[in-house]
Amino acid sequence: MIAVTVAPNSYTGEDSIDLFIPGGSAVVSRALRENIAWPGVRQADAGEFTARAYTNGKLTIDQAKAVAATIAAE
């Protein structure tokens, strides 16, 4: 399934496309390889979506720090 979110309604405030891939890790790995082979497509860096959300005014600095703290929690 593909979900398209048009700015400014996404988490980052930018247009985005989310791919929902059913199957095991081999299927997901293959789909990832095939998709990032397209020109201009790349895998997001860790924390990139939260940084973009902050930069685009969708999150405050406190909210961005809370996201980081939640991810770092054990």
N, C-alpha and C. Protein backbone atom coordinates (compact mmCIF):
# COMPACT_ATOMS: atom_id res chain seq x y z
N MET A 1 0.84 -1.16 0.00
CA MET A 1 0.00 0.00 0.00
C MET A 1 0.89 1.23 0.00
N ILE A 2 0.42 2.28 -0.63
CA ILE A 2 1.13 3.56 -0.67
C ILE A 2 0.22 4.62 -0.08
N ALA A 3 0.75 5.43 0.83
CA ALA A 3 0.01 6.55 1.40
C ALA A 3 0.72 7.84 1.04
N VAL A 4 0.00 8.75 0.43
CA VAL A 4 0.54 10.05 0.05
C VAL A 4 -0.01 11.09 1.00
N THR A 5 0.88 11.91 1.56
CA THR A 5 0.47 13.01 2.43
C THR A 5 0.98 14.30 1.81
N VAL A 6 0.08 15.24 1.61
CA VAL A 6 0.44 16.50 0.97
C VAL A 6 0.68 17.57 2.03
N ALA A 7 1.75 18.35 1.84
CA ALA A 7 2.08 19.44 2.76
C ALA A 7 0.88 20.39 2.85
N PRO A 8 0.64 20.95 3.99
CA PRO A 8 1.41 20.92 5.23
C PRO A 8 0.89 19.87 6.21
N ASN A 9 0.15 18.88 5.75
CA ASN A 9 -0.53 17.94 6.65
C ASN A 9 0.33 16.77 7.10
N SER A 10 1.57 16.70 6.72
CA SER A 10 2.43 15.59 7.14
C SER A 10 3.18 15.94 8.42
N TYR A 11 3.82 14.95 9.00
CA TYR A 11 4.62 15.13 10.22
C TYR A 11 5.70 16.19 10.01
N THR A 12 6.32 16.18 8.82
CA THR A 12 7.41 17.11 8.54
C THR A 12 6.94 18.43 7.96
N GLY A 13 5.68 18.49 7.53
CA GLY A 13 5.20 19.69 6.86
C GLY A 13 5.52 19.69 5.38
N GLU A 14 6.04 18.58 4.87
CA GLU A 14 6.41 18.45 3.46
C GLU A 14 5.57 17.35 2.82
N ASP A 15 5.53 17.32 1.49
CA ASP A 15 4.90 16.21 0.79
C ASP A 15 5.66 14.93 1.13
N SER A 16 4.94 13.83 1.29
CA SER A 16 5.63 12.57 1.58
C SER A 16 4.86 11.39 1.01
N ILE A 17 5.58 10.32 0.81
CA ILE A 17 5.00 9.06 0.37
C ILE A 17 5.49 7.98 1.33
N ASP A 18 4.57 7.22 1.87
CA ASP A 18 4.91 6.11 2.77
C ASP A 18 4.55 4.80 2.08
N LEU A 19 5.47 3.85 2.11
CA LEU A 19 5.24 2.53 1.54
C LEU A 19 5.01 1.54 2.67
N PHE A 20 3.94 0.78 2.59
CA PHE A 20 3.65 -0.27 3.56
C PHE A 20 3.85 -1.59 2.83
N ILE A 21 4.88 -2.33 3.22
CA ILE A 21 5.30 -3.52 2.49
C ILE A 21 5.03 -4.76 3.33
N PRO A 22 4.09 -5.59 2.88
CA PRO A 22 3.84 -6.83 3.62
C PRO A 22 4.90 -7.87 3.29
N GLY A 23 5.16 -8.76 4.21
CA GLY A 23 6.11 -9.83 3.94
C GLY A 23 7.26 -9.84 4.90
N GLY A 24 8.15 -10.78 4.69
CA GLY A 24 9.31 -10.95 5.55
C GLY A 24 10.42 -9.98 5.22
N SER A 25 11.52 -10.12 5.94
CA SER A 25 12.64 -9.18 5.79
C SER A 25 13.24 -9.21 4.39
N ALA A 26 13.21 -10.36 3.73
CA ALA A 26 13.77 -10.44 2.36
C ALA A 26 12.95 -9.58 1.40
N VAL A 27 11.63 -9.61 1.55
CA VAL A 27 10.76 -8.81 0.68
C VAL A 27 10.97 -7.32 0.95
N VAL A 28 11.05 -6.96 2.21
CA VAL A 28 11.26 -5.56 2.57
C VAL A 28 12.62 -5.07 2.08
N SER A 29 13.66 -5.87 2.24
CA SER A 29 15.01 -5.50 1.78
C SER A 29 15.03 -5.29 0.28
N ARG A 30 14.38 -6.18 -0.44
CA ARG A 30 14.33 -6.06 -1.91
C ARG A 30 13.58 -4.80 -2.32
N ALA A 31 12.44 -4.55 -1.70
CA ALA A 31 11.66 -3.35 -2.02
C ALA A 31 12.46 -2.09 -1.72
N LEU A 32 13.17 -2.07 -0.61
CA LEU A 32 14.01 -0.93 -0.26
C LEU A 32 15.10 -0.71 -1.30
N ARG A 33 15.80 -1.79 -1.66
CA ARG A 33 16.85 -1.70 -2.68
C ARG A 33 16.31 -1.16 -4.00
N GLU A 34 15.17 -1.68 -4.43
CA GLU A 34 14.58 -1.26 -5.70
C GLU A 34 14.15 0.20 -5.67
N ASN A 35 13.60 0.64 -4.55
CA ASN A 35 13.11 2.01 -4.48
C ASN A 35 14.22 3.04 -4.36
N ILE A 36 15.27 2.74 -3.60
CA ILE A 36 16.35 3.74 -3.47
C ILE A 36 17.25 3.76 -4.69
N ALA A 37 17.03 2.86 -5.64
CA ALA A 37 17.78 2.88 -6.89
C ALA A 37 17.26 3.98 -7.83
N TRP A 38 16.06 4.50 -7.57
CA TRP A 38 15.49 5.55 -8.42
C TRP A 38 16.27 6.85 -8.20
N PRO A 39 16.48 7.63 -9.25
CA PRO A 39 17.18 8.91 -9.10
C PRO A 39 16.44 9.82 -8.11
N GLY A 40 17.18 10.42 -7.21
CA GLY A 40 16.62 11.36 -6.25
C GLY A 40 15.98 10.72 -5.03
N VAL A 41 15.97 9.39 -4.97
CA VAL A 41 15.38 8.69 -3.83
C VAL A 41 16.50 8.15 -2.95
N ARG A 42 16.36 8.33 -1.64
CA ARG A 42 17.35 7.82 -0.71
C ARG A 42 16.66 7.46 0.59
N GLN A 43 17.33 6.67 1.39
CA GLN A 43 16.82 6.32 2.71
C GLN A 43 17.05 7.50 3.65
N ALA A 44 16.08 7.80 4.48
CA ALA A 44 16.20 8.91 5.42
C ALA A 44 17.26 8.60 6.48
N ASP A 45 17.95 9.64 6.91
CA ASP A 45 18.91 9.50 8.00
C ASP A 45 18.17 9.41 9.32
N ALA A 46 18.81 8.85 10.33
CA ALA A 46 18.22 8.76 11.67
C ALA A 46 17.92 10.17 12.18
N GLY A 47 16.70 10.39 12.64
CA GLY A 47 16.30 11.69 13.18
C GLY A 47 15.93 12.73 12.15
N GLU A 48 16.03 12.37 10.88
CA GLU A 48 15.80 13.36 9.82
C GLU A 48 14.36 13.89 9.81
N PHE A 49 13.38 13.01 10.02
CA PHE A 49 12.00 13.48 9.96
C PHE A 49 11.68 14.43 11.12
N THR A 50 12.20 14.15 12.29
CA THR A 50 11.97 15.04 13.43
C THR A 50 12.70 16.37 13.21
N ALA A 51 13.91 16.32 12.66
CA ALA A 51 14.64 17.56 12.36
C ALA A 51 13.90 18.40 11.33
N ARG A 52 13.35 17.76 10.31
CA ARG A 52 12.58 18.49 9.29
C ARG A 52 11.31 19.08 9.90
N ALA A 53 10.66 18.30 10.77
CA ALA A 53 9.44 18.80 11.42
C ALA A 53 9.76 20.03 12.26
N TYR A 54 10.86 20.00 12.98
CA TYR A 54 11.28 21.16 13.77
C TYR A 54 11.61 22.35 12.87
N THR A 55 12.40 22.11 11.84
CA THR A 55 12.81 23.17 10.91
C THR A 55 11.60 23.82 10.23
N ASN A 56 10.59 23.01 9.94
CA ASN A 56 9.40 23.51 9.24
C ASN A 56 8.31 24.02 10.19
N GLY A 57 8.64 24.13 11.49
CA GLY A 57 7.71 24.70 12.44
C GLY A 57 6.57 23.79 12.87
N LYS A 58 6.72 22.48 12.62
CA LYS A 58 5.68 21.52 13.01
C LYS A 58 5.87 21.04 14.45
N LEU A 59 7.08 21.14 14.98
CA LEU A 59 7.40 20.76 16.36
C LEU A 59 8.19 21.88 17.01
N THR A 60 8.00 22.03 18.32
CA THR A 60 8.85 22.94 19.09
C THR A 60 10.13 22.19 19.44
N ILE A 61 11.12 22.91 19.94
CA ILE A 61 12.37 22.26 20.34
C ILE A 61 12.10 21.27 21.47
N ASP A 62 11.19 21.61 22.38
CA ASP A 62 10.86 20.69 23.48
C ASP A 62 10.22 19.41 22.95
N GLN A 63 9.35 19.53 21.96
CA GLN A 63 8.72 18.35 21.38
C GLN A 63 9.76 17.48 20.66
N ALA A 64 10.68 18.11 19.93
CA ALA A 64 11.73 17.36 19.23
C ALA A 64 12.63 16.63 20.24
N LYS A 65 12.96 17.30 21.35
CA LYS A 65 13.76 16.66 22.39
C LYS A 65 13.00 15.49 23.03
N ALA A 66 11.69 15.64 23.18
CA ALA A 66 10.88 14.57 23.75
C ALA A 66 10.87 13.35 22.83
N VAL A 67 10.83 13.56 21.52
CA VAL A 67 10.90 12.46 20.57
C VAL A 67 12.23 11.73 20.74
N ALA A 68 13.33 12.49 20.81
CA ALA A 68 14.64 11.88 20.99
C ALA A 68 14.73 11.11 22.30
N ALA A 69 14.19 11.67 23.36
CA ALA A 69 14.22 11.01 24.67
C ALA A 69 13.40 9.71 24.65
N THR A 70 12.26 9.74 23.97
CA THR A 70 11.42 8.54 23.88
C THR A 70 12.15 7.43 23.12
N ILE A 71 12.82 7.79 22.04
CA ILE A 71 13.56 6.80 21.26
C ILE A 71 14.72 6.24 22.06
N ALA A 72 15.39 7.10 22.84
CA ALA A 72 16.56 6.65 23.62
C ALA A 72 16.18 5.86 24.87
N ALA A 73 14.92 5.95 25.29
CA ALA A 73 14.49 5.26 26.51
C ALA A 73 14.57 3.75 26.36
N GLU A 74 14.87 3.09 27.43
CA GLU A 74 14.94 1.62 27.41
C GLU A 74 13.66 1.02 27.94
